[in-house]
Amino acid sequence: MTTICEMIDIVSIDLDSAQPTMTVEPLVTCGQLTHALLSLGYTLAVVPEMDDLTVGGLVNGTGIESSSHRHGLFHEQCVAFEVCLADGTVVLASEDDHAELFHAIPWSYGTLGLLLSVTLKITRCKPLVELTYYPYTDKAAALGHFARLSEAGDEAPDFVEALAFSATDYVVMKGMQVDRADTRRGNINTIS
């Protein structure tokens, strides 16, 4: 009889350390992570826009569709990779142990070993994100606003995004985490 391990579990969540983390198997989806963490008042620093993307896919397969002006690309919030090497050896690669492997795993497409688990930094979050939309008809003005928001250092908003709908229609979005009591009157969109 053959047993198939699907590697779809959240292994642990550590909220007691100075830097809270969670360890997950590679087939855990971002939707699973988000739902588990939000109920605890936490989130990932870089949250991909699609709930069904897996942690293993984002780490091994260039998860560049989501990034943060504060936290970088998805793999930059990873602090350890548990990997089974070709000879069957299991190693825990981090900045301090097996550092060369730790830096080589992201975007490796699984060529360096089988990813068994990933430890990710997690961060406190508020229950809502207040979005402010800035419409533009001038590309240079939109890009300038986007750059100013992204490069504002400690004054930068929590989230920044820009979309181009055509050669003359752009929108820059600024997002700030807020408590329900802080929200101004407006629509609340309960997207996943």
N, C-alpha and C. Protein backbone atom coordinates (compact mmCIF):
# COMPACT_ATOMS: atom_id res chain seq x y z
N MET A 1 0.83 -1.18 0.00
CA MET A 1 0.00 0.00 0.00
C MET A 1 0.88 1.25 0.00
N THR A 2 0.56 2.20 -0.86
CA THR A 2 1.32 3.44 -0.95
C THR A 2 0.55 4.56 -0.26
N THR A 3 1.23 5.29 0.56
CA THR A 3 0.63 6.45 1.23
C THR A 3 1.14 7.71 0.54
N ILE A 4 0.22 8.58 0.18
CA ILE A 4 0.60 9.82 -0.48
C ILE A 4 0.48 10.96 0.53
N CYS A 5 1.56 11.69 0.69
CA CYS A 5 1.58 12.85 1.57
C CYS A 5 1.32 14.09 0.73
N GLU A 6 0.26 14.81 1.03
CA GLU A 6 -0.11 15.97 0.21
C GLU A 6 0.58 17.25 0.63
N MET A 7 1.18 17.32 1.80
CA MET A 7 1.92 18.48 2.28
C MET A 7 1.10 19.77 2.20
N ILE A 8 -0.08 19.73 2.81
CA ILE A 8 -1.00 20.87 2.75
C ILE A 8 -1.36 21.41 4.13
N ASP A 9 -0.49 21.24 5.09
CA ASP A 9 -0.83 21.64 6.46
C ASP A 9 -0.06 22.87 6.93
N ILE A 10 -0.70 23.61 7.80
CA ILE A 10 -0.01 24.64 8.57
C ILE A 10 0.61 23.91 9.75
N VAL A 11 1.92 23.89 9.83
CA VAL A 11 2.63 23.11 10.84
C VAL A 11 2.58 23.80 12.19
N SER A 12 2.89 25.11 12.21
CA SER A 12 2.90 25.83 13.49
C SER A 12 2.79 27.33 13.25
N ILE A 13 2.31 28.02 14.27
CA ILE A 13 2.26 29.48 14.28
C ILE A 13 2.88 29.91 15.60
N ASP A 14 3.94 30.73 15.53
CA ASP A 14 4.65 31.19 16.72
C ASP A 14 4.40 32.68 16.89
N LEU A 15 3.54 33.03 17.84
CA LEU A 15 3.22 34.43 18.11
C LEU A 15 4.01 34.98 19.29
N ASP A 16 4.80 34.15 19.96
CA ASP A 16 5.49 34.56 21.18
C ASP A 16 6.90 35.11 20.95
N SER A 17 7.46 34.88 19.80
CA SER A 17 8.82 35.36 19.51
C SER A 17 8.81 36.85 19.18
N ALA A 18 9.99 37.46 19.24
CA ALA A 18 10.12 38.88 18.87
C ALA A 18 9.66 39.08 17.43
N GLN A 19 9.99 38.13 16.54
CA GLN A 19 9.50 38.15 15.16
C GLN A 19 8.56 36.96 14.99
N PRO A 20 7.24 37.18 15.05
CA PRO A 20 6.30 36.07 14.89
C PRO A 20 6.47 35.39 13.51
N THR A 21 6.29 34.08 13.50
CA THR A 21 6.43 33.31 12.27
C THR A 21 5.36 32.23 12.20
N MET A 22 5.24 31.65 11.02
CA MET A 22 4.45 30.45 10.85
C MET A 22 5.21 29.51 9.93
N THR A 23 5.09 28.23 10.18
CA THR A 23 5.71 27.22 9.34
C THR A 23 4.62 26.43 8.65
N VAL A 24 4.76 26.30 7.33
CA VAL A 24 3.72 25.65 6.53
C VAL A 24 4.36 24.70 5.53
N GLU A 25 3.58 23.73 5.10
CA GLU A 25 4.02 22.85 4.03
C GLU A 25 3.78 23.54 2.70
N PRO A 26 4.44 23.12 1.62
CA PRO A 26 4.44 23.88 0.38
C PRO A 26 3.11 23.97 -0.36
N LEU A 27 2.18 23.07 -0.13
CA LEU A 27 0.90 23.13 -0.84
C LEU A 27 -0.16 23.93 -0.10
N VAL A 28 0.20 24.56 1.00
CA VAL A 28 -0.72 25.45 1.70
C VAL A 28 -0.95 26.67 0.80
N THR A 29 -2.21 27.05 0.65
CA THR A 29 -2.53 28.18 -0.22
C THR A 29 -2.53 29.50 0.56
N CYS A 30 -2.40 30.57 -0.17
CA CYS A 30 -2.45 31.89 0.46
C CYS A 30 -3.81 32.14 1.10
N GLY A 31 -4.87 31.58 0.55
CA GLY A 31 -6.19 31.70 1.16
C GLY A 31 -6.23 31.02 2.52
N GLN A 32 -5.63 29.82 2.63
CA GLN A 32 -5.57 29.13 3.91
C GLN A 32 -4.78 29.95 4.94
N LEU A 33 -3.65 30.49 4.49
CA LEU A 33 -2.82 31.30 5.39
C LEU A 33 -3.59 32.52 5.88
N THR A 34 -4.21 33.22 4.95
CA THR A 34 -4.93 34.44 5.29
C THR A 34 -6.05 34.16 6.29
N HIS A 35 -6.83 33.12 6.03
CA HIS A 35 -7.95 32.81 6.93
C HIS A 35 -7.46 32.39 8.32
N ALA A 36 -6.36 31.64 8.38
CA ALA A 36 -5.83 31.22 9.68
C ALA A 36 -5.26 32.41 10.44
N LEU A 37 -4.55 33.29 9.74
CA LEU A 37 -3.88 34.40 10.41
C LEU A 37 -4.82 35.54 10.80
N LEU A 38 -5.77 35.89 9.93
CA LEU A 38 -6.64 37.02 10.23
C LEU A 38 -7.43 36.82 11.51
N SER A 39 -7.82 35.59 11.77
CA SER A 39 -8.58 35.33 13.00
C SER A 39 -7.72 35.57 14.25
N LEU A 40 -6.38 35.59 14.07
CA LEU A 40 -5.46 35.84 15.18
C LEU A 40 -4.97 37.29 15.21
N GLY A 41 -5.41 38.09 14.22
CA GLY A 41 -4.96 39.48 14.13
C GLY A 41 -3.61 39.63 13.44
N TYR A 42 -3.24 38.66 12.60
CA TYR A 42 -1.96 38.67 11.89
C TYR A 42 -2.20 38.47 10.40
N THR A 43 -1.16 38.75 9.62
CA THR A 43 -1.17 38.51 8.19
C THR A 43 0.26 38.34 7.71
N LEU A 44 0.41 37.95 6.46
CA LEU A 44 1.73 37.97 5.82
C LEU A 44 2.05 39.40 5.44
N ALA A 45 3.32 39.75 5.38
CA ALA A 45 3.71 41.10 4.97
C ALA A 45 3.45 41.29 3.47
N VAL A 46 3.59 40.23 2.68
CA VAL A 46 3.32 40.27 1.25
C VAL A 46 2.22 39.25 0.98
N VAL A 47 1.03 39.74 0.64
CA VAL A 47 -0.12 38.86 0.41
C VAL A 47 -0.44 38.84 -1.08
N PRO A 48 -0.23 37.70 -1.74
CA PRO A 48 -0.58 37.60 -3.16
C PRO A 48 -2.07 37.81 -3.37
N GLU A 49 -2.41 38.26 -4.57
CA GLU A 49 -3.79 38.64 -4.87
C GLU A 49 -4.72 37.46 -5.13
N MET A 50 -4.18 36.26 -5.30
CA MET A 50 -5.02 35.10 -5.59
C MET A 50 -4.93 34.10 -4.45
N ASP A 51 -6.08 33.72 -3.90
CA ASP A 51 -6.14 32.82 -2.74
C ASP A 51 -5.60 31.42 -3.02
N ASP A 52 -5.62 30.96 -4.28
CA ASP A 52 -5.23 29.58 -4.54
C ASP A 52 -3.76 29.41 -4.90
N LEU A 53 -2.96 30.47 -4.85
CA LEU A 53 -1.52 30.33 -5.04
C LEU A 53 -0.93 29.62 -3.83
N THR A 54 0.00 28.70 -4.08
CA THR A 54 0.60 27.94 -2.98
C THR A 54 1.93 28.56 -2.56
N VAL A 55 2.29 28.33 -1.31
CA VAL A 55 3.56 28.83 -0.79
C VAL A 55 4.72 28.23 -1.58
N GLY A 56 4.68 26.93 -1.83
CA GLY A 56 5.75 26.29 -2.59
C GLY A 56 5.88 26.85 -3.99
N GLY A 57 4.77 27.11 -4.64
CA GLY A 57 4.80 27.70 -5.98
C GLY A 57 5.36 29.10 -5.98
N LEU A 58 4.99 29.90 -4.97
CA LEU A 58 5.49 31.27 -4.88
C LEU A 58 6.99 31.30 -4.57
N VAL A 59 7.46 30.37 -3.76
CA VAL A 59 8.89 30.32 -3.41
C VAL A 59 9.70 29.77 -4.58
N ASN A 60 9.32 28.61 -5.08
CA ASN A 60 10.10 27.94 -6.13
C ASN A 60 9.87 28.52 -7.52
N GLY A 61 8.70 29.07 -7.76
CA GLY A 61 8.34 29.47 -9.12
C GLY A 61 8.22 30.95 -9.35
N THR A 62 9.13 31.71 -8.86
CA THR A 62 9.19 33.17 -9.05
C THR A 62 7.87 33.86 -8.76
N GLY A 63 7.48 33.87 -7.51
CA GLY A 63 6.25 34.53 -7.09
C GLY A 63 6.40 36.04 -7.11
N ILE A 64 6.52 36.60 -8.31
CA ILE A 64 6.77 38.04 -8.43
C ILE A 64 5.51 38.85 -8.73
N GLU A 65 4.37 38.17 -8.85
CA GLU A 65 3.16 38.93 -9.16
C GLU A 65 2.69 39.78 -7.98
N SER A 66 3.18 39.50 -6.81
CA SER A 66 2.86 40.30 -5.63
C SER A 66 4.16 40.71 -4.95
N SER A 67 4.24 41.99 -4.64
CA SER A 67 5.41 42.48 -3.94
C SER A 67 4.97 43.66 -3.07
N SER A 68 5.90 44.13 -2.26
CA SER A 68 5.60 45.21 -1.34
C SER A 68 6.72 46.24 -1.40
N HIS A 69 6.32 47.51 -1.40
CA HIS A 69 7.32 48.58 -1.38
C HIS A 69 8.08 48.60 -0.06
N ARG A 70 7.57 47.91 0.94
CA ARG A 70 8.24 47.84 2.25
C ARG A 70 8.94 46.50 2.47
N HIS A 71 8.37 45.42 1.98
CA HIS A 71 8.85 44.08 2.34
C HIS A 71 9.43 43.29 1.18
N GLY A 72 9.39 43.81 -0.02
CA GLY A 72 9.99 43.13 -1.16
C GLY A 72 9.09 42.08 -1.78
N LEU A 73 9.72 41.06 -2.35
CA LEU A 73 9.01 39.97 -3.01
C LEU A 73 8.57 38.92 -1.99
N PHE A 74 7.69 38.02 -2.41
CA PHE A 74 7.13 37.02 -1.50
C PHE A 74 8.21 36.26 -0.74
N HIS A 75 9.24 35.78 -1.44
CA HIS A 75 10.26 34.94 -0.78
C HIS A 75 11.09 35.71 0.24
N GLU A 76 11.05 37.04 0.21
CA GLU A 76 11.85 37.83 1.15
C GLU A 76 11.25 37.86 2.55
N GLN A 77 10.05 37.30 2.74
CA GLN A 77 9.49 37.17 4.08
C GLN A 77 9.73 35.76 4.64
N CYS A 78 10.42 34.93 3.88
CA CYS A 78 10.75 33.57 4.31
C CYS A 78 12.03 33.58 5.15
N VAL A 79 12.01 32.88 6.27
CA VAL A 79 13.19 32.84 7.14
C VAL A 79 13.85 31.46 7.17
N ALA A 80 13.17 30.43 6.66
CA ALA A 80 13.78 29.09 6.62
C ALA A 80 13.04 28.22 5.61
N PHE A 81 13.82 27.33 4.99
CA PHE A 81 13.27 26.33 4.07
C PHE A 81 13.76 24.96 4.52
N GLU A 82 12.83 24.05 4.76
CA GLU A 82 13.19 22.66 5.03
C GLU A 82 13.19 21.95 3.68
N VAL A 83 14.33 21.35 3.32
CA VAL A 83 14.51 20.81 1.97
C VAL A 83 15.06 19.39 2.06
N CYS A 84 14.50 18.49 1.25
CA CYS A 84 15.04 17.14 1.10
C CYS A 84 15.93 17.17 -0.15
N LEU A 85 17.23 16.95 0.05
CA LEU A 85 18.18 16.98 -1.05
C LEU A 85 18.14 15.67 -1.84
N ALA A 86 18.80 15.63 -2.98
CA ALA A 86 18.76 14.47 -3.88
C ALA A 86 19.24 13.19 -3.22
N ASP A 87 20.15 13.30 -2.25
CA ASP A 87 20.65 12.10 -1.58
C ASP A 87 19.78 11.66 -0.40
N GLY A 88 18.65 12.35 -0.19
CA GLY A 88 17.74 12.01 0.90
C GLY A 88 17.99 12.78 2.18
N THR A 89 19.04 13.55 2.23
CA THR A 89 19.35 14.36 3.41
C THR A 89 18.32 15.48 3.54
N VAL A 90 17.80 15.68 4.76
CA VAL A 90 16.87 16.78 5.02
C VAL A 90 17.63 17.86 5.77
N VAL A 91 17.61 19.08 5.23
CA VAL A 91 18.29 20.20 5.87
C VAL A 91 17.31 21.34 6.09
N LEU A 92 17.59 22.12 7.11
CA LEU A 92 16.84 23.35 7.37
C LEU A 92 17.76 24.50 7.00
N ALA A 93 17.45 25.14 5.89
CA ALA A 93 18.29 26.23 5.37
C ALA A 93 17.73 27.56 5.82
N SER A 94 18.63 28.39 6.39
CA SER A 94 18.25 29.73 6.84
C SER A 94 19.42 30.66 6.57
N GLU A 95 19.28 31.89 6.97
CA GLU A 95 20.36 32.86 6.81
C GLU A 95 21.61 32.41 7.57
N ASP A 96 21.43 31.68 8.67
CA ASP A 96 22.55 31.26 9.52
C ASP A 96 23.06 29.85 9.23
N ASP A 97 22.22 28.95 8.75
CA ASP A 97 22.61 27.57 8.46
C ASP A 97 22.28 27.25 7.01
N HIS A 98 23.27 26.74 6.30
CA HIS A 98 23.10 26.41 4.88
C HIS A 98 22.66 27.66 4.10
N ALA A 99 23.32 28.78 4.38
CA ALA A 99 22.92 30.08 3.80
C ALA A 99 22.94 30.07 2.28
N GLU A 100 23.91 29.39 1.68
CA GLU A 100 23.97 29.38 0.21
C GLU A 100 22.73 28.71 -0.37
N LEU A 101 22.31 27.60 0.23
CA LEU A 101 21.10 26.92 -0.21
C LEU A 101 19.87 27.80 0.06
N PHE A 102 19.83 28.45 1.22
CA PHE A 102 18.72 29.33 1.57
C PHE A 102 18.51 30.40 0.49
N HIS A 103 19.59 31.00 0.02
CA HIS A 103 19.48 32.05 -0.99
C HIS A 103 19.25 31.50 -2.40
N ALA A 104 19.54 30.22 -2.61
CA ALA A 104 19.37 29.63 -3.94
C ALA A 104 17.98 29.02 -4.15
N ILE A 105 17.28 28.69 -3.08
CA ILE A 105 15.96 28.04 -3.21
C ILE A 105 14.94 28.91 -3.95
N PRO A 106 14.76 30.19 -3.61
CA PRO A 106 13.77 30.99 -4.33
C PRO A 106 14.08 31.01 -5.84
N TRP A 107 13.04 30.75 -6.60
CA TRP A 107 13.08 30.76 -8.07
C TRP A 107 13.86 29.59 -8.66
N SER A 108 14.12 28.56 -7.86
CA SER A 108 14.90 27.40 -8.33
C SER A 108 14.03 26.36 -9.04
N TYR A 109 12.72 26.51 -9.00
CA TYR A 109 11.78 25.58 -9.63
C TYR A 109 11.93 24.15 -9.12
N GLY A 110 12.39 23.99 -7.88
CA GLY A 110 12.51 22.67 -7.29
C GLY A 110 13.72 21.88 -7.75
N THR A 111 14.65 22.51 -8.46
CA THR A 111 15.81 21.78 -8.98
C THR A 111 16.86 21.47 -7.93
N LEU A 112 16.80 22.10 -6.77
CA LEU A 112 17.82 21.90 -5.74
C LEU A 112 17.40 20.91 -4.66
N GLY A 113 16.14 20.55 -4.65
CA GLY A 113 15.63 19.62 -3.66
C GLY A 113 14.13 19.76 -3.54
N LEU A 114 13.54 18.86 -2.78
CA LEU A 114 12.11 18.87 -2.54
C LEU A 114 11.81 19.76 -1.34
N LEU A 115 11.04 20.82 -1.56
CA LEU A 115 10.68 21.74 -0.49
C LEU A 115 9.67 21.05 0.43
N LEU A 116 10.01 20.90 1.70
CA LEU A 116 9.16 20.21 2.66
C LEU A 116 8.36 21.18 3.53
N SER A 117 8.97 22.31 3.88
CA SER A 117 8.24 23.33 4.64
C SER A 117 8.94 24.68 4.48
N VAL A 118 8.17 25.72 4.79
CA VAL A 118 8.66 27.09 4.70
C VAL A 118 8.26 27.80 5.99
N THR A 119 9.19 28.52 6.60
CA THR A 119 8.88 29.36 7.75
C THR A 119 8.86 30.80 7.27
N LEU A 120 7.73 31.47 7.52
CA LEU A 120 7.50 32.83 7.05
C LEU A 120 7.31 33.79 8.21
N LYS A 121 7.80 35.01 8.04
CA LYS A 121 7.49 36.08 9.00
C LYS A 121 6.03 36.44 8.86
N ILE A 122 5.39 36.74 9.98
CA ILE A 122 4.03 37.25 9.95
C ILE A 122 4.00 38.56 10.73
N THR A 123 2.98 39.35 10.49
CA THR A 123 2.92 40.67 11.09
C THR A 123 1.51 40.96 11.60
N ARG A 124 1.41 41.79 12.63
CA ARG A 124 0.10 42.22 13.14
C ARG A 124 -0.63 42.97 12.06
N CYS A 125 -1.94 42.91 12.09
CA CYS A 125 -2.74 43.67 11.13
C CYS A 125 -4.01 44.17 11.79
N LYS A 126 -4.58 45.17 11.16
CA LYS A 126 -5.86 45.70 11.60
C LYS A 126 -6.95 45.05 10.76
N PRO A 127 -8.21 45.15 11.17
CA PRO A 127 -9.27 44.40 10.49
C PRO A 127 -9.66 44.93 9.11
N LEU A 128 -9.35 46.19 8.81
CA LEU A 128 -9.78 46.76 7.53
C LEU A 128 -8.64 47.49 6.84
N VAL A 129 -8.76 47.65 5.53
CA VAL A 129 -7.85 48.47 4.75
C VAL A 129 -8.68 49.56 4.09
N GLU A 130 -8.32 50.81 4.38
CA GLU A 130 -9.00 51.94 3.75
C GLU A 130 -8.24 52.28 2.47
N LEU A 131 -8.95 52.21 1.33
CA LEU A 131 -8.34 52.51 0.04
C LEU A 131 -8.74 53.89 -0.43
N THR A 132 -7.77 54.64 -0.92
CA THR A 132 -8.03 55.94 -1.55
C THR A 132 -7.58 55.82 -3.00
N TYR A 133 -8.46 56.19 -3.91
CA TYR A 133 -8.19 56.09 -5.34
C TYR A 133 -7.87 57.47 -5.90
N TYR A 134 -6.82 57.54 -6.72
CA TYR A 134 -6.43 58.78 -7.37
C TYR A 134 -6.44 58.55 -8.88
N PRO A 135 -7.45 59.06 -9.59
CA PRO A 135 -7.50 58.86 -11.04
C PRO A 135 -6.59 59.86 -11.76
N TYR A 136 -5.98 59.40 -12.86
CA TYR A 136 -5.10 60.24 -13.67
C TYR A 136 -5.37 60.00 -15.15
N THR A 137 -5.15 61.04 -15.94
CA THR A 137 -5.18 60.91 -17.40
C THR A 137 -3.80 61.15 -17.98
N ASP A 138 -2.83 61.44 -17.11
CA ASP A 138 -1.45 61.68 -17.54
C ASP A 138 -0.55 60.61 -16.93
N LYS A 139 0.14 59.86 -17.79
CA LYS A 139 0.98 58.75 -17.33
C LYS A 139 2.08 59.23 -16.40
N ALA A 140 2.78 60.30 -16.76
CA ALA A 140 3.89 60.80 -15.93
C ALA A 140 3.41 61.22 -14.55
N ALA A 141 2.24 61.85 -14.48
CA ALA A 141 1.69 62.27 -13.19
C ALA A 141 1.34 61.06 -12.33
N ALA A 142 0.75 60.04 -12.95
CA ALA A 142 0.38 58.82 -12.21
C ALA A 142 1.64 58.13 -11.69
N LEU A 143 2.64 57.97 -12.55
CA LEU A 143 3.88 57.31 -12.12
C LEU A 143 4.61 58.12 -11.06
N GLY A 144 4.57 59.43 -11.16
CA GLY A 144 5.19 60.28 -10.15
C GLY A 144 4.53 60.12 -8.80
N HIS A 145 3.20 60.09 -8.79
CA HIS A 145 2.47 59.91 -7.52
C HIS A 145 2.78 58.54 -6.93
N PHE A 146 2.77 57.52 -7.78
CA PHE A 146 3.08 56.16 -7.33
C PHE A 146 4.48 56.13 -6.71
N ALA A 147 5.45 56.74 -7.35
CA ALA A 147 6.83 56.76 -6.84
C ALA A 147 6.91 57.50 -5.51
N ARG A 148 6.25 58.64 -5.41
CA ARG A 148 6.29 59.41 -4.14
C ARG A 148 5.71 58.61 -2.99
N LEU A 149 4.58 57.93 -3.23
CA LEU A 149 3.98 57.12 -2.18
C LEU A 149 4.89 55.95 -1.79
N SER A 150 5.45 55.28 -2.79
CA SER A 150 6.29 54.09 -2.54
C SER A 150 7.58 54.43 -1.84
N GLU A 151 8.12 55.61 -2.10
CA GLU A 151 9.43 55.99 -1.56
C GLU A 151 9.35 56.89 -0.34
N ALA A 152 8.19 56.94 0.31
CA ALA A 152 7.98 57.87 1.43
C ALA A 152 8.55 57.37 2.76
N GLY A 153 9.28 56.28 2.74
CA GLY A 153 9.91 55.78 3.97
C GLY A 153 8.89 55.44 5.04
N ASP A 154 9.11 55.94 6.25
CA ASP A 154 8.21 55.66 7.36
C ASP A 154 6.82 56.26 7.15
N GLU A 155 6.73 57.26 6.29
CA GLU A 155 5.44 57.90 6.01
C GLU A 155 4.66 57.21 4.89
N ALA A 156 5.25 56.19 4.29
CA ALA A 156 4.61 55.49 3.18
C ALA A 156 3.35 54.78 3.66
N PRO A 157 2.34 54.71 2.81
CA PRO A 157 1.15 53.95 3.18
C PRO A 157 1.47 52.46 3.28
N ASP A 158 0.56 51.70 3.88
CA ASP A 158 0.76 50.26 4.02
C ASP A 158 0.78 49.56 2.66
N PHE A 159 -0.04 50.03 1.73
CA PHE A 159 -0.16 49.41 0.41
C PHE A 159 -0.19 50.49 -0.67
N VAL A 160 0.46 50.22 -1.78
CA VAL A 160 0.46 51.12 -2.93
C VAL A 160 0.32 50.28 -4.18
N GLU A 161 -0.55 50.71 -5.07
CA GLU A 161 -0.71 50.00 -6.34
C GLU A 161 -1.11 51.01 -7.41
N ALA A 162 -0.74 50.73 -8.65
CA ALA A 162 -1.14 51.56 -9.78
C ALA A 162 -1.62 50.65 -10.90
N LEU A 163 -2.68 51.06 -11.55
CA LEU A 163 -3.23 50.31 -12.68
C LEU A 163 -3.36 51.23 -13.88
N ALA A 164 -3.05 50.70 -15.07
CA ALA A 164 -3.26 51.42 -16.32
C ALA A 164 -4.41 50.75 -17.05
N PHE A 165 -5.47 51.49 -17.30
CA PHE A 165 -6.62 50.94 -18.01
C PHE A 165 -6.52 51.19 -19.50
N SER A 166 -5.76 52.22 -19.88
CA SER A 166 -5.52 52.55 -21.29
C SER A 166 -4.31 53.48 -21.32
N ALA A 167 -4.00 54.00 -22.50
CA ALA A 167 -2.85 54.91 -22.62
C ALA A 167 -3.12 56.24 -21.92
N THR A 168 -4.38 56.50 -21.57
CA THR A 168 -4.71 57.79 -20.94
C THR A 168 -5.53 57.65 -19.66
N ASP A 169 -5.74 56.45 -19.18
CA ASP A 169 -6.54 56.26 -17.97
C ASP A 169 -5.77 55.40 -16.96
N TYR A 170 -5.46 56.04 -15.81
CA TYR A 170 -4.67 55.39 -14.76
C TYR A 170 -5.34 55.63 -13.43
N VAL A 171 -5.03 54.74 -12.48
CA VAL A 171 -5.46 54.98 -11.11
C VAL A 171 -4.34 54.54 -10.18
N VAL A 172 -4.04 55.38 -9.21
CA VAL A 172 -3.09 55.05 -8.15
C VAL A 172 -3.92 54.82 -6.90
N MET A 173 -3.61 53.73 -6.18
CA MET A 173 -4.36 53.39 -4.98
C MET A 173 -3.42 53.38 -3.77
N LYS A 174 -3.89 54.00 -2.71
CA LYS A 174 -3.16 54.03 -1.45
C LYS A 174 -4.01 53.30 -0.42
N GLY A 175 -3.42 52.34 0.28
CA GLY A 175 -4.14 51.59 1.29
C GLY A 175 -3.52 51.74 2.66
N MET A 176 -4.37 51.98 3.64
CA MET A 176 -3.92 52.09 5.04
C MET A 176 -4.74 51.13 5.89
N GLN A 177 -4.06 50.36 6.75
CA GLN A 177 -4.78 49.50 7.68
C GLN A 177 -5.47 50.37 8.72
N VAL A 178 -6.72 50.05 9.01
CA VAL A 178 -7.49 50.85 9.97
C VAL A 178 -8.34 49.93 10.85
N ASP A 179 -8.67 50.44 12.03
CA ASP A 179 -9.65 49.78 12.88
C ASP A 179 -11.03 50.20 12.42
N ARG A 180 -12.02 49.41 12.69
CA ARG A 180 -13.37 49.74 12.27
C ARG A 180 -13.77 51.15 12.73
N ALA A 181 -13.37 51.52 13.93
CA ALA A 181 -13.73 52.83 14.46
C ALA A 181 -13.07 53.96 13.67
N ASP A 182 -11.98 53.66 12.97
CA ASP A 182 -11.27 54.69 12.22
C ASP A 182 -11.85 54.94 10.83
N THR A 183 -12.69 54.06 10.34
CA THR A 183 -13.15 54.17 8.97
C THR A 183 -14.08 55.36 8.78
N ARG A 184 -13.87 56.01 7.65
CA ARG A 184 -14.78 57.09 7.28
C ARG A 184 -16.01 56.46 6.64
N ARG A 185 -17.04 57.22 6.54
CA ARG A 185 -18.26 56.73 5.93
C ARG A 185 -17.98 56.36 4.48
N GLY A 186 -18.35 55.18 4.09
CA GLY A 186 -18.12 54.72 2.72
C GLY A 186 -18.47 53.26 2.60
N ASN A 187 -18.15 52.72 1.46
CA ASN A 187 -18.47 51.32 1.18
C ASN A 187 -17.45 50.41 1.83
N ILE A 188 -17.92 49.29 2.33
CA ILE A 188 -17.03 48.23 2.82
C ILE A 188 -17.18 47.06 1.88
N ASN A 189 -16.09 46.67 1.25
CA ASN A 189 -16.05 45.57 0.31
C ASN A 189 -15.41 44.38 1.00
N THR A 190 -16.12 43.30 1.17
CA THR A 190 -15.58 42.14 1.87
C THR A 190 -15.01 41.14 0.89
N ILE A 191 -13.92 41.53 0.21
CA ILE A 191 -13.25 40.63 -0.72
C ILE A 191 -12.50 39.59 0.08
N SER A 192 -12.76 38.32 -0.21
CA SER A 192 -12.12 37.17 0.47
C SER A 192 -11.40 37.58 1.72
